[in-house]
N, C-alpha and C. Protein backbone atom coordinates (compact mmCIF):
# COMPACT_ATOMS: atom_id res chain seq x y z
N MET A 1 19.06 4.30 -9.80
CA MET A 1 18.51 5.08 -8.69
C MET A 1 17.05 5.45 -8.99
N GLY A 2 16.16 5.23 -8.02
CA GLY A 2 14.76 5.55 -8.21
C GLY A 2 14.47 7.02 -7.95
N PHE A 3 13.30 7.45 -8.37
CA PHE A 3 12.89 8.84 -8.24
C PHE A 3 12.96 9.32 -6.80
N PHE A 4 12.50 8.49 -5.86
CA PHE A 4 12.45 8.90 -4.46
C PHE A 4 13.75 8.60 -3.70
N ASP A 5 14.78 8.22 -4.43
CA ASP A 5 16.10 8.07 -3.80
C ASP A 5 16.85 9.40 -3.76
N GLU A 6 16.30 10.40 -4.43
CA GLU A 6 16.92 11.73 -4.42
C GLU A 6 16.15 12.64 -3.47
N LYS A 7 16.87 13.24 -2.54
CA LYS A 7 16.23 14.04 -1.49
C LYS A 7 15.40 15.18 -2.05
N LYS A 8 15.86 15.80 -3.13
CA LYS A 8 15.11 16.93 -3.70
C LYS A 8 13.75 16.47 -4.21
N ASN A 9 13.68 15.27 -4.77
CA ASN A 9 12.40 14.74 -5.24
C ASN A 9 11.47 14.43 -4.08
N VAL A 10 12.02 13.89 -3.01
CA VAL A 10 11.24 13.59 -1.81
C VAL A 10 10.68 14.88 -1.23
N GLU A 11 11.51 15.90 -1.14
CA GLU A 11 11.06 17.19 -0.58
C GLU A 11 9.97 17.82 -1.45
N GLU A 12 10.12 17.69 -2.76
CA GLU A 12 9.10 18.22 -3.68
C GLU A 12 7.78 17.49 -3.50
N TYR A 13 7.87 16.16 -3.37
CA TYR A 13 6.66 15.35 -3.17
C TYR A 13 5.97 15.74 -1.87
N MET A 14 6.74 15.91 -0.81
CA MET A 14 6.17 16.24 0.49
C MET A 14 5.46 17.59 0.46
N ARG A 15 5.99 18.54 -0.29
CA ARG A 15 5.32 19.84 -0.44
C ARG A 15 4.00 19.67 -1.19
N MET A 16 4.03 18.87 -2.25
CA MET A 16 2.84 18.66 -3.07
C MET A 16 1.73 17.93 -2.30
N ALA A 17 2.13 16.96 -1.47
CA ALA A 17 1.17 16.12 -0.76
C ALA A 17 0.73 16.71 0.57
N ASP A 18 1.29 17.84 0.95
CA ASP A 18 0.96 18.44 2.24
C ASP A 18 -0.54 18.73 2.33
N GLY A 19 -1.15 18.30 3.42
CA GLY A 19 -2.58 18.53 3.62
C GLY A 19 -3.46 17.38 3.18
N TYR A 20 -2.88 16.37 2.55
CA TYR A 20 -3.65 15.20 2.11
C TYR A 20 -3.25 13.99 2.95
N ASP A 21 -4.24 13.19 3.32
CA ASP A 21 -3.96 11.98 4.08
C ASP A 21 -5.04 10.94 3.80
N GLY A 22 -4.87 9.77 4.38
CA GLY A 22 -5.80 8.67 4.17
C GLY A 22 -6.79 8.48 5.29
N LYS A 23 -7.15 9.56 5.98
CA LYS A 23 -8.05 9.45 7.13
C LYS A 23 -9.35 8.73 6.77
N GLU A 24 -9.95 9.09 5.64
CA GLU A 24 -11.21 8.45 5.25
C GLU A 24 -11.01 6.97 4.92
N LEU A 25 -9.90 6.65 4.30
CA LEU A 25 -9.61 5.24 3.99
C LEU A 25 -9.44 4.44 5.28
N ILE A 26 -8.73 5.01 6.24
CA ILE A 26 -8.49 4.32 7.50
C ILE A 26 -9.79 4.11 8.26
N GLU A 27 -10.71 5.06 8.16
CA GLU A 27 -12.03 4.89 8.77
C GLU A 27 -12.79 3.73 8.12
N LYS A 28 -12.63 3.56 6.81
CA LYS A 28 -13.24 2.41 6.13
C LYS A 28 -12.63 1.11 6.66
N LEU A 29 -11.32 1.10 6.83
CA LEU A 29 -10.63 -0.09 7.31
C LEU A 29 -11.09 -0.47 8.71
N GLN A 30 -11.35 0.52 9.54
CA GLN A 30 -11.71 0.26 10.94
C GLN A 30 -13.04 -0.51 11.06
N LYS A 31 -13.85 -0.47 10.02
CA LYS A 31 -15.10 -1.24 10.05
C LYS A 31 -14.83 -2.74 10.06
N TYR A 32 -13.67 -3.13 9.54
CA TYR A 32 -13.33 -4.54 9.39
C TYR A 32 -12.20 -5.01 10.29
N LEU A 33 -11.28 -4.10 10.63
CA LEU A 33 -10.07 -4.50 11.36
C LEU A 33 -10.11 -3.96 12.79
N PRO A 34 -10.16 -4.87 13.78
CA PRO A 34 -10.22 -4.43 15.18
C PRO A 34 -8.94 -3.70 15.60
N SER A 35 -9.08 -2.84 16.58
CA SER A 35 -7.92 -2.14 17.13
C SER A 35 -6.91 -3.13 17.68
N GLY A 36 -5.64 -2.76 17.64
CA GLY A 36 -4.58 -3.59 18.20
C GLY A 36 -3.94 -4.54 17.22
N LYS A 37 -4.53 -4.72 16.04
CA LYS A 37 -3.95 -5.60 15.03
C LYS A 37 -2.69 -4.96 14.45
N ASN A 38 -1.84 -5.79 13.83
CA ASN A 38 -0.61 -5.24 13.25
C ASN A 38 -0.78 -4.98 11.76
N VAL A 39 -0.38 -3.78 11.35
CA VAL A 39 -0.59 -3.30 9.98
C VAL A 39 0.75 -2.93 9.37
N LEU A 40 0.98 -3.40 8.15
CA LEU A 40 2.14 -2.98 7.37
C LEU A 40 1.68 -1.97 6.34
N GLU A 41 2.26 -0.77 6.36
CA GLU A 41 1.99 0.17 5.29
C GLU A 41 3.04 0.00 4.21
N ILE A 42 2.59 -0.28 3.01
CA ILE A 42 3.47 -0.43 1.86
C ILE A 42 3.62 0.94 1.20
N GLY A 43 4.84 1.44 1.14
CA GLY A 43 5.06 2.76 0.56
C GLY A 43 4.60 3.86 1.50
N MET A 44 5.23 3.97 2.64
CA MET A 44 4.80 4.91 3.68
C MET A 44 5.09 6.36 3.35
N GLY A 45 6.04 6.61 2.42
CA GLY A 45 6.37 7.98 2.08
C GLY A 45 6.77 8.76 3.33
N PRO A 46 6.21 9.96 3.52
CA PRO A 46 6.58 10.76 4.68
C PRO A 46 5.98 10.27 6.00
N GLY A 47 5.09 9.26 5.93
CA GLY A 47 4.58 8.67 7.17
C GLY A 47 3.31 9.29 7.72
N VAL A 48 2.62 10.09 6.93
CA VAL A 48 1.39 10.75 7.40
C VAL A 48 0.33 9.71 7.76
N ASP A 49 0.08 8.76 6.85
CA ASP A 49 -0.92 7.73 7.13
C ASP A 49 -0.44 6.76 8.20
N LEU A 50 0.87 6.52 8.26
CA LEU A 50 1.41 5.64 9.29
C LEU A 50 1.09 6.20 10.68
N ASP A 51 1.22 7.51 10.82
CA ASP A 51 0.88 8.14 12.10
C ASP A 51 -0.59 7.95 12.43
N LEU A 52 -1.46 8.10 11.43
CA LEU A 52 -2.90 7.92 11.66
C LEU A 52 -3.22 6.46 12.02
N LEU A 53 -2.61 5.53 11.31
CA LEU A 53 -2.82 4.11 11.60
C LEU A 53 -2.37 3.76 13.02
N SER A 54 -1.31 4.41 13.47
CA SER A 54 -0.74 4.09 14.78
C SER A 54 -1.66 4.47 15.94
N ASN A 55 -2.69 5.26 15.66
CA ASN A 55 -3.64 5.61 16.71
C ASN A 55 -4.48 4.41 17.15
N ASN A 56 -4.60 3.40 16.26
CA ASN A 56 -5.44 2.25 16.58
C ASN A 56 -4.73 0.91 16.43
N TYR A 57 -3.59 0.91 15.74
CA TYR A 57 -2.95 -0.36 15.40
C TYR A 57 -1.47 -0.37 15.74
N GLU A 58 -0.91 -1.58 15.80
CA GLU A 58 0.54 -1.75 15.88
C GLU A 58 1.05 -1.64 14.45
N VAL A 59 1.87 -0.64 14.17
CA VAL A 59 2.19 -0.36 12.77
C VAL A 59 3.66 -0.63 12.44
N THR A 60 3.86 -1.06 11.20
CA THR A 60 5.18 -1.17 10.61
C THR A 60 5.14 -0.38 9.31
N GLY A 61 6.07 0.53 9.15
CA GLY A 61 6.16 1.29 7.92
C GLY A 61 7.17 0.67 6.98
N SER A 62 6.94 0.81 5.69
CA SER A 62 7.92 0.31 4.73
C SER A 62 7.97 1.24 3.52
N ASP A 63 9.13 1.25 2.89
CA ASP A 63 9.30 2.02 1.66
C ASP A 63 10.54 1.49 0.96
N LEU A 64 10.63 1.76 -0.34
CA LEU A 64 11.83 1.40 -1.08
C LEU A 64 12.84 2.54 -1.05
N SER A 65 12.40 3.70 -0.55
CA SER A 65 13.26 4.87 -0.48
C SER A 65 13.86 5.01 0.91
N LEU A 66 15.18 4.92 0.99
CA LEU A 66 15.87 5.14 2.27
C LEU A 66 15.72 6.59 2.72
N VAL A 67 15.51 7.49 1.78
CA VAL A 67 15.33 8.90 2.14
C VAL A 67 14.08 9.07 3.00
N PHE A 68 12.96 8.49 2.54
CA PHE A 68 11.73 8.56 3.32
C PHE A 68 11.91 7.89 4.69
N ILE A 69 12.53 6.72 4.70
CA ILE A 69 12.71 5.98 5.95
C ILE A 69 13.58 6.77 6.92
N ASP A 70 14.68 7.31 6.42
CA ASP A 70 15.59 8.07 7.30
C ASP A 70 14.94 9.34 7.84
N LEU A 71 14.17 10.04 7.00
CA LEU A 71 13.49 11.25 7.45
C LEU A 71 12.48 10.94 8.54
N TYR A 72 11.76 9.84 8.38
CA TYR A 72 10.77 9.47 9.39
C TYR A 72 11.45 9.03 10.69
N ARG A 73 12.53 8.29 10.54
CA ARG A 73 13.22 7.78 11.73
C ARG A 73 13.85 8.92 12.55
N GLU A 74 14.21 9.99 11.89
CA GLU A 74 14.75 11.15 12.62
C GLU A 74 13.75 11.67 13.65
N LYS A 75 12.47 11.65 13.27
CA LYS A 75 11.42 12.15 14.17
C LYS A 75 10.85 11.06 15.07
N HIS A 76 10.99 9.81 14.62
CA HIS A 76 10.41 8.67 15.35
C HIS A 76 11.47 7.57 15.46
N PRO A 77 12.47 7.76 16.33
CA PRO A 77 13.60 6.81 16.39
C PRO A 77 13.21 5.38 16.77
N GLU A 78 12.07 5.22 17.44
CA GLU A 78 11.64 3.88 17.85
C GLU A 78 10.73 3.21 16.82
N ALA A 79 10.48 3.86 15.70
CA ALA A 79 9.55 3.32 14.72
C ALA A 79 10.03 1.99 14.15
N ASP A 80 9.08 1.12 13.85
CA ASP A 80 9.35 -0.18 13.23
C ASP A 80 9.26 0.02 11.71
N LEU A 81 10.40 0.06 11.04
CA LEU A 81 10.44 0.39 9.61
C LEU A 81 11.21 -0.67 8.84
N LEU A 82 10.75 -0.95 7.62
CA LEU A 82 11.39 -1.94 6.75
C LEU A 82 11.67 -1.32 5.38
N LEU A 83 12.81 -1.66 4.82
CA LEU A 83 13.13 -1.29 3.45
C LEU A 83 12.56 -2.40 2.56
N LEU A 84 11.46 -2.11 1.87
CA LEU A 84 10.77 -3.15 1.11
C LEU A 84 10.39 -2.68 -0.28
N ASP A 85 10.57 -3.55 -1.24
CA ASP A 85 10.08 -3.38 -2.59
C ASP A 85 8.60 -3.79 -2.59
N ALA A 86 7.73 -2.96 -3.17
CA ALA A 86 6.29 -3.22 -3.15
C ALA A 86 5.88 -4.43 -3.97
N VAL A 87 6.76 -4.89 -4.85
CA VAL A 87 6.46 -6.09 -5.63
C VAL A 87 6.92 -7.34 -4.89
N LYS A 88 8.19 -7.38 -4.50
CA LYS A 88 8.76 -8.59 -3.90
C LYS A 88 8.35 -8.78 -2.44
N LEU A 89 8.23 -7.69 -1.69
CA LEU A 89 7.83 -7.76 -0.28
C LEU A 89 8.63 -8.82 0.47
N SER A 90 9.94 -8.73 0.37
CA SER A 90 10.83 -9.76 0.91
C SER A 90 11.02 -9.60 2.41
N THR A 91 10.14 -10.20 3.17
CA THR A 91 10.25 -10.23 4.62
C THR A 91 9.67 -11.56 5.12
N SER A 92 10.22 -12.06 6.21
CA SER A 92 9.71 -13.30 6.81
C SER A 92 8.58 -13.01 7.78
N ARG A 93 8.30 -11.75 8.01
CA ARG A 93 7.24 -11.38 8.95
C ARG A 93 5.86 -11.48 8.29
N THR A 94 4.84 -11.63 9.12
CA THR A 94 3.46 -11.63 8.61
C THR A 94 2.65 -10.58 9.36
N PHE A 95 1.55 -10.17 8.74
CA PHE A 95 0.77 -9.04 9.26
C PHE A 95 -0.72 -9.34 9.17
N ASP A 96 -1.48 -8.67 10.04
CA ASP A 96 -2.93 -8.80 10.02
C ASP A 96 -3.55 -7.97 8.90
N CYS A 97 -2.82 -6.96 8.45
CA CYS A 97 -3.35 -6.08 7.41
C CYS A 97 -2.22 -5.45 6.63
N LEU A 98 -2.44 -5.27 5.34
CA LEU A 98 -1.52 -4.55 4.45
C LEU A 98 -2.28 -3.35 3.90
N TYR A 99 -1.62 -2.20 3.95
CA TYR A 99 -2.29 -0.94 3.58
C TYR A 99 -1.39 -0.14 2.65
N SER A 100 -1.98 0.43 1.62
CA SER A 100 -1.24 1.40 0.81
C SER A 100 -2.20 2.44 0.28
N ASN A 101 -1.73 3.67 0.22
CA ASN A 101 -2.54 4.78 -0.27
C ASN A 101 -1.83 5.40 -1.47
N LYS A 102 -2.34 5.11 -2.65
CA LYS A 102 -1.80 5.66 -3.90
C LYS A 102 -0.31 5.34 -4.04
N VAL A 103 0.01 4.07 -3.91
CA VAL A 103 1.40 3.61 -4.05
C VAL A 103 1.52 2.61 -5.19
N LEU A 104 0.60 1.66 -5.24
CA LEU A 104 0.74 0.55 -6.19
C LEU A 104 0.47 0.97 -7.63
N HIS A 105 0.02 2.19 -7.85
CA HIS A 105 -0.14 2.67 -9.24
C HIS A 105 1.21 2.96 -9.88
N HIS A 106 2.28 2.91 -9.09
CA HIS A 106 3.62 3.06 -9.67
C HIS A 106 4.13 1.75 -10.28
N LEU A 107 3.32 0.70 -10.19
CA LEU A 107 3.69 -0.61 -10.75
C LEU A 107 2.98 -0.82 -12.08
N THR A 108 3.60 -1.61 -12.94
CA THR A 108 2.90 -2.07 -14.14
C THR A 108 1.85 -3.10 -13.72
N GLY A 109 0.97 -3.44 -14.63
CA GLY A 109 -0.04 -4.45 -14.32
C GLY A 109 0.58 -5.78 -13.93
N GLU A 110 1.64 -6.17 -14.64
CA GLU A 110 2.32 -7.43 -14.34
C GLU A 110 2.97 -7.39 -12.95
N GLN A 111 3.59 -6.26 -12.64
CA GLN A 111 4.20 -6.12 -11.32
C GLN A 111 3.13 -6.13 -10.22
N LEU A 112 2.00 -5.50 -10.48
CA LEU A 112 0.93 -5.46 -9.49
C LEU A 112 0.39 -6.86 -9.23
N GLU A 113 0.26 -7.65 -10.28
CA GLU A 113 -0.20 -9.03 -10.12
C GLU A 113 0.77 -9.82 -9.25
N ASP A 114 2.07 -9.65 -9.49
CA ASP A 114 3.08 -10.32 -8.66
C ASP A 114 3.02 -9.82 -7.22
N SER A 115 2.79 -8.52 -7.05
CA SER A 115 2.69 -7.96 -5.71
C SER A 115 1.54 -8.59 -4.94
N PHE A 116 0.39 -8.73 -5.58
CA PHE A 116 -0.75 -9.36 -4.90
C PHE A 116 -0.42 -10.78 -4.46
N LEU A 117 0.28 -11.52 -5.30
CA LEU A 117 0.66 -12.89 -4.93
C LEU A 117 1.61 -12.87 -3.73
N ASN A 118 2.55 -11.96 -3.73
CA ASN A 118 3.48 -11.87 -2.60
C ASN A 118 2.82 -11.31 -1.35
N GLN A 119 1.80 -10.49 -1.52
CA GLN A 119 1.04 -10.03 -0.36
C GLN A 119 0.39 -11.20 0.37
N MET A 120 -0.07 -12.18 -0.38
CA MET A 120 -0.67 -13.36 0.24
C MET A 120 0.32 -14.06 1.16
N LYS A 121 1.59 -14.03 0.81
CA LYS A 121 2.61 -14.73 1.59
C LYS A 121 2.87 -14.10 2.95
N ILE A 122 2.63 -12.80 3.07
CA ILE A 122 2.94 -12.12 4.33
C ILE A 122 1.68 -11.70 5.08
N LEU A 123 0.53 -12.17 4.61
CA LEU A 123 -0.75 -11.83 5.23
C LEU A 123 -1.25 -12.99 6.07
N GLU A 124 -1.61 -12.70 7.31
CA GLU A 124 -2.14 -13.74 8.19
C GLU A 124 -3.45 -14.29 7.65
N PRO A 125 -3.78 -15.55 7.98
CA PRO A 125 -5.09 -16.09 7.60
C PRO A 125 -6.21 -15.17 8.10
N GLY A 126 -7.13 -14.86 7.21
CA GLY A 126 -8.21 -13.94 7.56
C GLY A 126 -7.79 -12.49 7.54
N GLY A 127 -6.53 -12.22 7.18
CA GLY A 127 -6.01 -10.85 7.16
C GLY A 127 -6.63 -10.00 6.07
N LEU A 128 -6.49 -8.70 6.22
CA LEU A 128 -7.12 -7.74 5.32
C LEU A 128 -6.10 -6.95 4.52
N VAL A 129 -6.56 -6.47 3.38
CA VAL A 129 -5.76 -5.60 2.52
C VAL A 129 -6.62 -4.40 2.16
N LEU A 130 -6.04 -3.20 2.25
CA LEU A 130 -6.70 -2.01 1.71
C LEU A 130 -5.69 -1.26 0.85
N HIS A 131 -6.06 -1.06 -0.41
CA HIS A 131 -5.22 -0.29 -1.32
C HIS A 131 -6.08 0.74 -2.04
N SER A 132 -5.50 1.89 -2.34
CA SER A 132 -6.21 2.89 -3.14
C SER A 132 -5.43 3.15 -4.43
N PHE A 133 -6.18 3.55 -5.45
CA PHE A 133 -5.61 3.74 -6.79
C PHE A 133 -6.23 4.99 -7.43
N TRP A 134 -5.50 5.55 -8.41
CA TRP A 134 -6.10 6.55 -9.27
C TRP A 134 -6.99 5.84 -10.29
N TYR A 135 -8.18 6.37 -10.54
CA TYR A 135 -9.12 5.78 -11.49
C TYR A 135 -8.79 6.28 -12.90
N GLY A 136 -8.74 5.35 -13.85
CA GLY A 136 -8.51 5.77 -15.23
C GLY A 136 -7.98 4.65 -16.09
N GLU A 137 -7.41 5.01 -17.22
CA GLU A 137 -6.88 4.03 -18.17
C GLU A 137 -5.48 4.45 -18.61
N GLY A 138 -4.68 3.44 -18.98
CA GLY A 138 -3.37 3.73 -19.54
C GLY A 138 -2.34 4.05 -18.48
N SER A 139 -1.20 4.53 -18.93
CA SER A 139 -0.12 4.88 -18.02
C SER A 139 0.68 6.03 -18.61
N GLU A 140 1.47 6.67 -17.76
CA GLU A 140 2.33 7.76 -18.21
C GLU A 140 3.51 7.86 -17.27
N LYS A 141 4.57 8.48 -17.76
CA LYS A 141 5.73 8.75 -16.92
C LYS A 141 5.82 10.25 -16.69
N ILE A 142 5.93 10.60 -15.41
CA ILE A 142 6.11 11.99 -15.04
C ILE A 142 7.44 12.07 -14.30
N GLU A 143 8.41 12.76 -14.89
CA GLU A 143 9.75 12.87 -14.32
C GLU A 143 10.32 11.49 -13.93
N ASP A 144 10.22 10.55 -14.86
CA ASP A 144 10.74 9.18 -14.68
C ASP A 144 9.99 8.37 -13.65
N LEU A 145 8.84 8.83 -13.21
CA LEU A 145 8.04 8.08 -12.25
C LEU A 145 6.80 7.57 -12.97
N LEU A 146 6.60 6.24 -12.95
CA LEU A 146 5.48 5.62 -13.66
C LEU A 146 4.17 5.81 -12.91
N PHE A 147 3.14 6.19 -13.63
CA PHE A 147 1.78 6.24 -13.09
C PHE A 147 0.91 5.34 -13.97
N THR A 148 0.34 4.31 -13.38
CA THR A 148 -0.56 3.42 -14.10
C THR A 148 -1.96 3.63 -13.54
N TYR A 149 -2.91 3.88 -14.42
CA TYR A 149 -4.28 4.15 -14.00
C TYR A 149 -5.12 2.89 -14.18
N TYR A 150 -5.93 2.62 -13.20
CA TYR A 150 -6.72 1.39 -13.19
C TYR A 150 -8.20 1.69 -13.00
N LYS A 151 -9.02 0.75 -13.46
CA LYS A 151 -10.43 0.72 -13.11
C LYS A 151 -10.66 -0.49 -12.21
N PRO A 152 -11.73 -0.47 -11.42
CA PRO A 152 -11.95 -1.59 -10.49
C PRO A 152 -11.88 -2.97 -11.14
N ASP A 153 -12.46 -3.11 -12.33
CA ASP A 153 -12.43 -4.43 -12.99
C ASP A 153 -11.01 -4.85 -13.33
N ASP A 154 -10.12 -3.89 -13.62
CA ASP A 154 -8.72 -4.22 -13.90
C ASP A 154 -8.09 -4.86 -12.67
N ILE A 155 -8.36 -4.30 -11.50
CA ILE A 155 -7.79 -4.82 -10.26
C ILE A 155 -8.36 -6.19 -9.95
N LEU A 156 -9.65 -6.37 -10.15
CA LEU A 156 -10.29 -7.66 -9.85
C LEU A 156 -9.69 -8.78 -10.69
N ARG A 157 -9.27 -8.45 -11.91
CA ARG A 157 -8.65 -9.47 -12.77
C ARG A 157 -7.25 -9.85 -12.29
N LEU A 158 -6.62 -8.99 -11.51
CA LEU A 158 -5.24 -9.22 -11.08
C LEU A 158 -5.13 -9.91 -9.72
N ILE A 159 -6.18 -9.87 -8.92
CA ILE A 159 -6.05 -10.41 -7.56
C ILE A 159 -6.20 -11.92 -7.56
N PRO A 160 -5.46 -12.63 -6.70
CA PRO A 160 -5.59 -14.08 -6.60
C PRO A 160 -6.98 -14.50 -6.11
N ASP A 161 -7.38 -15.71 -6.47
CA ASP A 161 -8.69 -16.22 -6.06
C ASP A 161 -8.81 -16.34 -4.54
N ASP A 162 -7.68 -16.41 -3.85
CA ASP A 162 -7.72 -16.57 -2.40
C ASP A 162 -8.08 -15.29 -1.66
N PHE A 163 -8.26 -14.21 -2.40
CA PHE A 163 -8.75 -12.97 -1.81
C PHE A 163 -10.27 -12.88 -1.99
N GLU A 164 -10.95 -12.49 -0.94
CA GLU A 164 -12.38 -12.20 -1.02
C GLU A 164 -12.57 -10.68 -1.03
N LEU A 165 -13.38 -10.20 -1.96
CA LEU A 165 -13.66 -8.77 -2.03
C LEU A 165 -14.68 -8.38 -0.96
N LEU A 166 -14.29 -7.46 -0.08
CA LEU A 166 -15.19 -6.98 0.95
C LEU A 166 -15.84 -5.65 0.57
N GLU A 167 -15.07 -4.78 -0.06
CA GLU A 167 -15.61 -3.46 -0.38
C GLU A 167 -14.75 -2.83 -1.47
N MET A 168 -15.42 -2.10 -2.36
CA MET A 168 -14.71 -1.36 -3.39
C MET A 168 -15.57 -0.17 -3.78
N GLU A 169 -14.97 1.00 -3.80
CA GLU A 169 -15.77 2.20 -4.02
C GLU A 169 -14.91 3.33 -4.58
N ARG A 170 -15.52 4.14 -5.44
CA ARG A 170 -14.82 5.33 -5.94
C ARG A 170 -14.98 6.46 -4.94
N TYR A 171 -14.00 7.36 -4.94
CA TYR A 171 -14.07 8.53 -4.07
C TYR A 171 -13.29 9.68 -4.71
N THR A 172 -13.38 10.83 -4.10
CA THR A 172 -12.78 12.04 -4.66
C THR A 172 -11.56 12.45 -3.85
N GLU A 173 -10.43 12.65 -4.53
CA GLU A 173 -9.26 13.21 -3.87
C GLU A 173 -9.00 14.64 -4.39
N PHE A 174 -8.71 14.76 -5.67
CA PHE A 174 -8.53 16.09 -6.26
C PHE A 174 -9.75 16.47 -7.11
N GLU A 175 -10.20 15.54 -7.94
CA GLU A 175 -11.34 15.78 -8.82
C GLU A 175 -12.40 14.71 -8.55
N LYS A 176 -13.62 14.96 -8.95
CA LYS A 176 -14.74 14.08 -8.63
C LYS A 176 -14.47 12.64 -9.05
N GLU A 177 -14.54 11.73 -8.07
CA GLU A 177 -14.38 10.29 -8.29
C GLU A 177 -13.13 9.95 -9.09
N ASP A 178 -12.02 10.62 -8.77
CA ASP A 178 -10.75 10.36 -9.46
C ASP A 178 -9.99 9.18 -8.88
N SER A 179 -10.54 8.57 -7.82
CA SER A 179 -9.83 7.52 -7.09
C SER A 179 -10.80 6.40 -6.71
N PHE A 180 -10.23 5.26 -6.36
CA PHE A 180 -11.05 4.20 -5.77
C PHE A 180 -10.19 3.38 -4.83
N TYR A 181 -10.85 2.73 -3.88
CA TYR A 181 -10.15 1.86 -2.94
C TYR A 181 -10.77 0.47 -3.00
N ILE A 182 -10.00 -0.48 -2.53
CA ILE A 182 -10.44 -1.87 -2.51
C ILE A 182 -10.03 -2.47 -1.17
N ILE A 183 -10.95 -3.21 -0.55
CA ILE A 183 -10.66 -3.93 0.70
C ILE A 183 -10.87 -5.41 0.43
N LEU A 184 -9.84 -6.19 0.71
CA LEU A 184 -9.84 -7.63 0.44
C LEU A 184 -9.56 -8.40 1.73
N LYS A 185 -10.01 -9.64 1.75
CA LYS A 185 -9.76 -10.53 2.90
C LYS A 185 -9.10 -11.81 2.41
N ASN A 186 -8.09 -12.24 3.13
CA ASN A 186 -7.42 -13.51 2.84
C ASN A 186 -8.33 -14.65 3.28
N LYS A 187 -8.80 -15.45 2.33
CA LYS A 187 -9.76 -16.51 2.64
C LYS A 187 -9.11 -17.78 3.14
N ILE A 188 -7.80 -17.98 2.86
CA ILE A 188 -7.22 -19.29 3.16
C ILE A 188 -6.80 -19.39 4.61
N SER A 189 -6.72 -20.63 5.10
CA SER A 189 -6.52 -20.86 6.53
C SER A 189 -5.05 -20.77 6.94
N SER A 190 -4.14 -20.99 6.00
CA SER A 190 -2.72 -20.90 6.32
C SER A 190 -1.98 -20.46 5.07
N CYS A 191 -1.11 -19.44 5.22
CA CYS A 191 -0.52 -18.90 3.99
C CYS A 191 0.98 -18.66 4.07
N TYR A 192 1.58 -18.90 5.22
CA TYR A 192 2.96 -18.45 5.39
C TYR A 192 3.91 -19.02 4.35
N ASN A 193 3.75 -20.29 4.02
CA ASN A 193 4.64 -20.89 3.03
C ASN A 193 3.89 -21.22 1.73
N CYS A 194 2.96 -20.35 1.36
CA CYS A 194 2.24 -20.57 0.11
C CYS A 194 3.24 -20.68 -1.04
N SER A 195 2.98 -21.56 -1.97
CA SER A 195 3.89 -21.71 -3.11
C SER A 195 3.23 -21.11 -4.34
N TYR A 196 3.64 -19.90 -4.67
CA TYR A 196 3.17 -19.23 -5.86
C TYR A 196 4.34 -19.09 -6.82
N ASP A 197 4.02 -19.14 -8.09
CA ASP A 197 5.06 -18.98 -9.12
C ASP A 197 5.26 -17.49 -9.37
N ILE A 198 6.23 -16.90 -8.70
CA ILE A 198 6.49 -15.48 -8.82
C ILE A 198 7.63 -15.26 -9.79
N LYS A 199 7.41 -14.35 -10.73
CA LYS A 199 8.48 -14.03 -11.69
C LYS A 199 9.58 -13.25 -10.99
C-alpha cells in the first residue's frame, strides 16, 4: 500500500498544501499551448491544478491513489479521471500536453527516465510537457514517501533525444529558488507506437 492510499495521509497532505497551486506554471504553459488542447495531469492529488487547467484546456486527471480520485469525483462526478502509475503511464490514449507539479520527484532517477520514455508514447506529435521539481541533490524518505531532489542538468541527462527543451527556470515556492520547471516539446512526427525498451 502506498502512502497516499491511506485517507489520513491524503487529508494531512491536503492541509499542508492548502493555499499552494501551479497558477504561475500554468501561465508559463499558456505561452506555448493554445486553449482547447487536451492535457493530462500526472499526479493530480486533490485536483487544485486540474481545476486551473480546466479553465483553458480539456483536462484529464490521473493519480495512483484511488483516495485522491474518489475525493475529486465526489465533487466533480463528470470529471475525466484515470488511475495511472507515473512511471508506466499505461493508457492507450494520447494527449497534447502532459503536466505535473511536484510529482515526479517521488520517483528514483531510473524510474524518472522510464517515465520520460513512456511519456513519449502518450504524447501527440508536437505535444508539450511541463514538469516541476524540487531543486537539490540526493534523496530522502519522509514517512515512507520518497523525495528525490534534482538539478536541471540531472533532468536533461534523463530526457529522450526526441524531446526539445523549450524553457527551464528556477523559481521560489517555499524558499528562494527551491524549485525549477521544465517545458519540453515532442519533436517526432509520429509516436503512438514508438518502440522503446522499457524496464
